[in-house]
Protein backbone atom coordinates (compact mmCIF):
# COMPACT_ATOMS: atom_id res chain seq x y z
CA MET A 1 119.03 73.22 104.89
CA THR A 2 119.91 76.81 105.79
CA THR A 3 121.95 78.79 103.29
CA LYS A 4 124.27 81.15 105.14
CA TYR A 5 124.24 84.80 104.17
CA THR A 6 127.40 85.80 102.34
CA TYR A 7 128.61 89.20 101.23
CA GLN A 8 131.06 90.05 98.52
CA GLU A 9 132.29 93.61 98.20
CA LYS A 10 131.26 95.32 94.97
CA THR A 11 133.56 97.01 92.49
CA LEU A 12 132.63 100.63 92.97
CA SER A 13 133.59 103.58 90.82
CA PRO A 14 136.26 105.89 92.30
CA LYS A 15 133.62 108.52 93.11
CA ALA A 16 131.44 105.90 94.80
CA GLN A 17 134.42 104.75 96.87
CA GLN A 18 134.93 108.35 97.98
CA MET A 19 131.32 108.63 99.15
CA ARG A 20 131.52 105.24 100.85
CA ASP A 21 134.64 106.25 102.79
CA ILE A 22 133.01 109.49 103.95
CA LEU A 23 130.02 107.51 105.20
CA VAL A 24 132.22 104.97 106.98
CA ASP A 25 133.75 107.80 108.98
CA TYR A 26 130.39 109.44 109.65
CA ILE A 27 128.71 106.22 110.80
CA ALA A 28 131.52 105.82 113.33
CA VAL A 29 130.91 109.39 114.53
CA VAL A 30 127.16 108.81 114.86
CA SER A 31 127.84 105.71 116.97
CA ARG A 32 129.77 107.67 119.59
CA ARG A 33 128.65 111.30 119.43
CA LEU A 34 125.08 112.47 119.99
CA PRO A 35 123.65 115.02 117.56
CA ASP A 36 123.76 118.64 118.69
CA ASP A 37 120.00 118.95 119.24
CA VAL A 38 119.88 115.86 121.49
CA THR A 39 122.84 117.03 123.57
CA ALA A 40 121.22 120.45 124.04
CA LYS A 41 117.88 118.94 125.10
CA LEU A 42 119.46 116.50 127.55
CA SER A 43 121.39 119.38 129.11
CA GLU A 44 118.13 121.29 129.48
CA LEU A 45 116.30 118.33 131.06
CA SER A 46 119.16 117.54 133.43
CA LYS A 47 118.77 120.97 135.04
CA ILE A 48 115.09 120.28 135.80
CA GLU A 49 115.61 117.05 137.76
CA VAL A 50 116.71 117.70 141.34
CA ASP A 51 116.68 114.27 142.95
CA PRO A 52 120.24 112.97 143.63
CA LEU A 53 119.50 109.69 141.82
CA GLN A 54 118.29 111.52 138.72
CA GLN A 55 121.31 113.79 138.81
CA LEU A 56 123.54 110.73 139.09
CA VAL A 57 121.91 109.26 135.98
CA TYR A 58 122.53 112.41 133.95
CA ASN A 59 126.10 112.71 135.24
CA THR A 60 126.67 109.11 134.16
CA MET A 61 125.28 109.95 130.71
CA TRP A 62 127.73 112.84 130.35
CA GLU A 63 130.64 110.70 131.51
CA ASN A 64 129.60 107.99 129.08
CA GLN A 65 129.60 110.44 126.18
CA MET A 66 132.93 111.91 127.21
CA LEU A 67 134.57 108.48 127.32
CA ALA A 68 133.00 107.44 124.01
CA GLU A 69 134.54 110.49 122.35
CA LYS A 70 137.88 110.13 124.10
CA LEU A 71 138.24 106.40 123.37
CA GLU A 72 136.55 106.64 119.95
CA ARG A 73 134.16 103.84 120.82
CA PRO A 74 130.35 103.59 120.51
CA SER A 75 128.49 105.25 123.34
CA CYS A 76 126.11 102.27 123.69
CA GLN A 77 126.96 98.60 123.18
CA ASP A 78 123.78 98.20 121.11
CA THR A 79 124.73 100.05 117.95
CA GLY A 80 121.40 99.12 116.41
CA ALA A 81 120.38 98.12 112.94
CA LEU A 82 121.47 100.79 110.47
CA GLN A 83 118.70 102.67 108.69
CA PHE A 84 119.06 105.33 106.00
CA PHE A 85 116.36 107.83 105.03
CA ILE A 86 117.30 109.54 101.80
CA LYS A 87 116.01 112.32 99.56
CA CYS A 88 117.97 112.12 96.34
CA GLY A 89 117.81 114.31 93.27
CA SER A 90 117.28 112.43 90.02
CA HIS A 91 120.56 113.87 88.72
CA PHE A 92 122.71 112.91 91.70
CA PRO A 93 125.66 111.22 89.95
CA LEU A 94 125.86 108.14 92.19
CA LEU A 95 122.18 107.23 92.31
CA SER A 96 122.71 103.91 90.51
CA GLU A 97 125.42 102.83 92.98
CA LEU A 98 123.75 104.14 96.13
CA ASN A 99 122.57 100.85 97.63
CA ASP A 100 125.98 99.22 97.15
CA ILE A 101 127.67 102.28 98.67
CA LEU A 102 125.52 102.08 101.79
CA LYS A 103 125.92 98.34 102.29
CA GLU A 104 129.70 98.57 101.96
CA ALA A 105 129.80 101.59 104.26
CA VAL A 106 128.01 99.65 107.01
CA PHE A 107 130.21 96.59 106.46
CA LEU A 108 133.41 98.64 106.75
CA ALA A 109 132.16 100.89 109.59
CA THR A 110 131.33 97.76 111.58
CA GLN A 111 135.03 96.97 111.62
CA LYS A 112 136.25 100.54 112.09
CA ALA A 113 133.92 101.89 114.80
CA PRO A 114 133.55 98.99 115.78
CA LEU A 115 129.81 98.24 115.65
CA ARG A 116 128.14 95.28 117.30
CA HIS A 117 126.98 92.53 114.93
CA ASN A 118 123.20 93.00 114.99
CA ALA A 119 122.04 91.28 111.77
CA VAL A 120 120.15 88.07 112.56
CA GLU A 121 118.55 86.24 109.65
CA THR A 122 114.86 85.78 110.42
CA PHE A 123 113.62 82.17 110.76
CA ASP A 124 117.12 80.83 110.11
CA GLU A 125 118.16 82.38 113.44
CA TYR A 126 121.84 83.01 112.99
CA ASN A 127 123.90 86.18 113.20
CA THR A 128 125.62 86.98 109.91
CA GLY A 129 128.59 88.40 111.81
CA LEU A 130 128.74 91.22 109.27
CA ASN A 131 126.13 93.67 110.59
CA ILE A 132 124.44 93.36 107.20
CA GLY A 133 122.00 90.75 105.96
CA SER A 134 118.88 90.25 103.90
CA GLY A 135 117.34 93.73 103.68
CA LEU A 136 119.87 95.21 106.14
CA PRO A 137 120.80 97.99 106.24
CA SER A 138 117.31 99.39 105.69
CA VAL A 139 117.33 101.96 102.92
CA PHE A 140 114.36 104.24 102.21
CA THR A 141 114.85 106.48 99.19
CA GLU A 142 112.70 109.30 97.85
CA ILE A 143 113.60 110.75 94.43
CA GLU A 144 113.21 114.52 94.26
CA GLY A 145 112.84 116.42 90.98
CA ASP A 146 115.83 117.33 88.83
CA SER A 147 118.24 118.13 91.68
CA ASP A 148 121.80 116.77 91.76
CA LYS A 149 122.01 116.82 95.57
CA LEU A 150 121.37 114.24 98.26
CA GLU A 151 120.09 114.49 101.85
CA MET A 152 120.60 111.48 104.09
CA TYR A 153 119.68 110.62 107.67
CA VAL A 154 121.80 107.91 109.28
CA TYR A 155 120.00 106.19 112.16
CA MET A 156 121.02 103.44 114.55
CA ALA A 157 117.79 101.75 115.62
CA GLY A 158 118.63 99.85 118.80
CA GLY A 159 116.66 96.98 120.28
CA GLY A 160 115.40 98.84 123.35
CA CYS A 161 114.14 101.89 121.51
CA SER A 162 112.47 99.66 118.90
CA LEU A 163 110.45 97.72 121.51
CA PRO A 164 107.62 100.28 121.92
CA GLY A 165 107.14 100.48 118.15
CA ALA A 166 103.61 99.68 117.03
CA ALA A 167 101.08 100.56 114.34
CA LYS A 168 97.33 100.20 114.09
CA VAL A 169 94.41 101.30 111.93
CA LEU A 170 91.69 102.94 114.00
CA MET A 171 88.01 103.14 113.18
CA PRO A 172 87.26 106.75 112.19
CA GLY A 173 84.83 107.09 115.09
CA GLU A 174 87.74 106.69 117.52
CA GLY A 175 89.02 110.06 116.32
CA TYR A 176 92.15 111.72 117.57
CA GLU A 177 91.26 110.67 121.09
CA GLY A 178 91.93 107.14 119.80
CA VAL A 179 95.35 108.28 118.61
CA ALA A 180 96.17 109.64 122.06
CA LYS A 181 94.93 106.45 123.76
CA PHE A 182 97.01 104.28 121.45
CA VAL A 183 100.17 106.31 122.16
CA MET A 184 99.65 106.41 125.91
CA ASP A 185 98.92 102.66 126.06
CA GLN A 186 102.24 101.95 124.32
CA MET A 187 104.20 104.36 126.47
CA THR A 188 102.80 103.08 129.77
CA SER A 189 103.46 99.48 128.68
CA TYR A 190 106.84 99.67 126.97
CA GLY A 191 108.28 103.15 127.38
CA ILE A 192 110.45 102.23 130.34
CA ASN A 193 112.26 99.61 128.22
CA ALA A 194 113.56 102.20 125.77
CA CYS A 195 115.98 104.09 128.07
CA PRO A 196 114.19 107.41 128.70
CA PRO A 197 114.08 110.34 128.31
CA LEU A 198 112.71 109.49 124.87
CA LEU A 199 112.05 111.20 121.59
CA VAL A 200 108.59 109.99 120.59
CA GLY A 201 107.73 109.85 116.90
CA ILE A 202 104.08 109.55 115.95
CA GLY A 203 102.83 108.95 112.43
CA ILE A 204 99.29 109.39 111.18
CA GLY A 205 98.20 108.39 107.68
CA THR A 206 95.97 106.26 105.54
CA SER A 207 97.27 102.78 106.48
CA VAL A 208 99.62 101.01 108.85
CA GLU A 209 102.69 101.15 106.60
CA VAL A 210 102.24 104.86 105.85
CA ALA A 211 101.72 105.66 109.52
CA ALA A 212 104.73 103.56 110.51
CA MET A 213 107.01 105.32 108.04
CA ASN A 214 105.70 108.71 109.15
CA SER A 215 106.45 107.83 112.78
CA LYS A 216 110.03 106.88 111.94
CA LEU A 217 110.52 110.03 109.87
CA ALA A 218 109.23 111.98 112.87
CA LEU A 219 112.30 110.75 114.77
CA MET A 220 114.51 112.38 112.15
CA ARG A 221 113.06 115.80 112.97
CA GLU A 222 115.03 117.87 115.44
CA VAL A 223 114.07 117.40 119.05
CA SER A 224 112.71 120.90 119.66
CA SER A 225 110.96 121.22 116.29
CA GLU A 226 107.19 121.56 116.01
CA SER A 227 104.66 120.39 113.45
CA PRO A 228 103.64 123.06 110.92
CA ASN A 229 100.03 121.90 111.37
CA GLU A 230 98.34 123.78 114.22
CA ASN A 231 96.24 120.85 115.45
CA ALA A 232 99.13 118.38 115.21
CA ARG A 233 101.32 120.86 117.09
CA LYS A 234 98.70 121.06 119.85
CA MET A 235 98.62 117.25 120.08
CA GLU A 236 102.42 117.16 120.30
CA HIS A 237 102.34 119.38 123.38
CA LEU A 238 99.43 117.53 125.00
CA LEU A 239 101.07 114.14 124.52
CA GLU A 240 104.40 115.46 125.77
CA ASP A 241 102.69 116.61 128.97
CA GLY A 242 100.83 113.32 129.28
CA ILE A 243 103.92 111.13 128.85
CA ASN A 244 105.94 113.31 131.23
CA ASN A 245 103.21 112.82 133.81
CA ILE A 246 103.75 109.05 133.66
CA GLY A 247 106.88 109.83 135.67
CA LEU A 248 109.36 107.51 133.95
CA GLY A 249 112.21 109.99 134.38
CA PRO A 250 115.80 109.38 133.25
CA GLN A 251 116.44 105.66 132.68
CA GLY A 252 113.10 104.88 134.34
CA PHE A 253 114.16 105.92 137.84
CA GLY A 254 111.34 108.44 138.14
CA GLY A 255 111.33 112.14 137.51
CA LYS A 256 109.61 115.17 136.05
CA LYS A 257 110.63 114.62 132.43
CA SER A 258 110.21 111.35 130.56
CA VAL A 259 110.59 112.63 127.01
CA MET A 260 112.86 114.93 125.05
CA GLY A 261 109.89 115.72 122.85
CA VAL A 262 106.98 114.40 120.81
CA ASN A 263 107.11 114.78 117.02
CA ILE A 264 104.13 114.09 114.76
CA ILE A 265 104.21 113.66 110.99
CA ASN A 266 100.80 113.37 109.37
CA THR A 267 99.72 112.79 105.80
CA ALA A 268 96.28 112.62 104.18
CA ARG A 269 94.16 109.53 104.84
CA HIS A 270 91.15 107.64 103.59
CA PRO A 271 87.99 108.99 105.26
CA SER A 272 87.11 105.57 106.71
CA VAL A 273 90.32 105.00 108.68
CA ILE A 274 92.97 106.62 110.83
CA GLY A 275 96.31 104.86 110.58
CA VAL A 276 98.52 105.58 113.61
CA ALA A 277 101.99 104.41 114.59
CA ILE A 278 104.61 105.13 117.20
CA ASN A 279 108.39 104.77 117.21
CA VAL A 280 110.76 106.09 119.86
CA GLY A 281 114.38 107.08 120.16
CA CYS A 282 116.21 106.47 123.43
CA TRP A 283 118.19 109.16 125.28
CA SER A 284 121.19 108.05 123.20
CA HIS A 285 119.36 108.98 120.01
CA ARG A 286 122.07 108.20 117.50
CA ARG A 287 121.00 109.80 114.28
CA GLY A 288 122.94 111.98 111.93
CA LYS A 289 122.29 114.00 108.82
CA ILE A 290 124.65 114.49 105.90
CA LEU A 291 124.13 116.62 102.81
CA PHE A 292 126.06 115.94 99.59
CA ASP A 293 126.32 117.95 96.41
CA SER A 294 127.22 116.44 93.04
CA GLU A 295 130.96 116.83 93.76
CA LEU A 296 130.57 115.09 97.15
CA ASN A 297 131.17 118.23 99.13
CA TYR A 298 129.26 117.59 102.32
CA SER A 299 127.92 119.25 105.44
CA LEU A 300 126.84 117.80 108.80
CA PRO A 301 124.02 120.01 110.15
CA LEU A 302 123.48 117.87 113.28
CA HIS A 303 127.20 117.59 114.13
CA GLN A 304 128.44 121.12 113.53
CA GLU A 305 131.85 120.71 115.18
CA VAL A 306 132.73 117.39 113.55
CA GLU A 307 135.33 117.10 110.81
CA LEU A 308 135.61 113.77 109.02
C-alpha cells in the first residue's frame, strides 16, 4: 500500500519567516526572468546567426521573456525541480532552520509564481501536487569557517536540460581525450533535447558523485567565466568549439552557435581513475544567486535591476 506524501508547514521563528518570504519572491523572479549573464550571452549569440529561421527563434525567445515579465508568469512551463547550492557560515543565525525555510519557500512560491507541480514520488509514481516531496527540493550545503553570511544559488532544473546528464569513471589510460569523447558523445546524442544554445557544465574528480556535483556547480558559474586552471581553460575552449561545430543552433534548428559556453570544475582525483560528468542548462537557464548577511540584508548579483 502506497503512503501518500504529506507536508505540514513548520512553525518558523520570525526571522526565519522573513528569510522564507524573501526567497518566495526571488524564486518567482528566477522562474520568469533570466539572469543578467545569460541575457547578455543570448543577445551576443543572436547577432551571429543570420538565417531567418534562427533569427525567428531568437526573436521568439525575446518575446517570450518580455511576456513572462509583463504577465509575471514563468518563462517556461517546465519550472523544473528546485535545487539550492549553499555556502553558509557556521555563525549564520538561521542555519538550524535552513532546510525548513527552503522547503516552505518552494511550497509557497509554487502557489505564488505559480510553478508547475514537478515532484513525482519514485516507484510510487504519483505527483505530490505540492512541488516538494521526498528529498525535494534538493539542498546542498557547505559550511564555511566562522562567517555569519550565506551565499545561495537557486536553480530550476528542468526535464529537458537534465536529459543529457551523465557521469562515468574512466580508466586513467583514457586520459583527457576520454573526457572529451565522453562529453561529445553525450552532446551528439542528447544535446538537441535540452533546448540549445546550452550552458555545458563538466565536472572532473575522483568518483562519479564528486564529478557529478562538480558538473552541476559548473552551471552556477557565470556564462562567460573561465576556469582558473590553464589546462582546464584550454579544454573549455576546445569543447566549446567542438560542440558548436555539431551545428545544433538555437532550439536545434541548425546554426553557428550551439552553446552559451562550457564551464569545467575540477578537483583532485585518485591516480587510478578519472571521474567525469556532464550537466547542461538550456537557453532558459533559470538560476539565481542571493547573498544574505546576518541581518538578512541581501543582494542579487545575477539580477542587478530586480527589487523584491
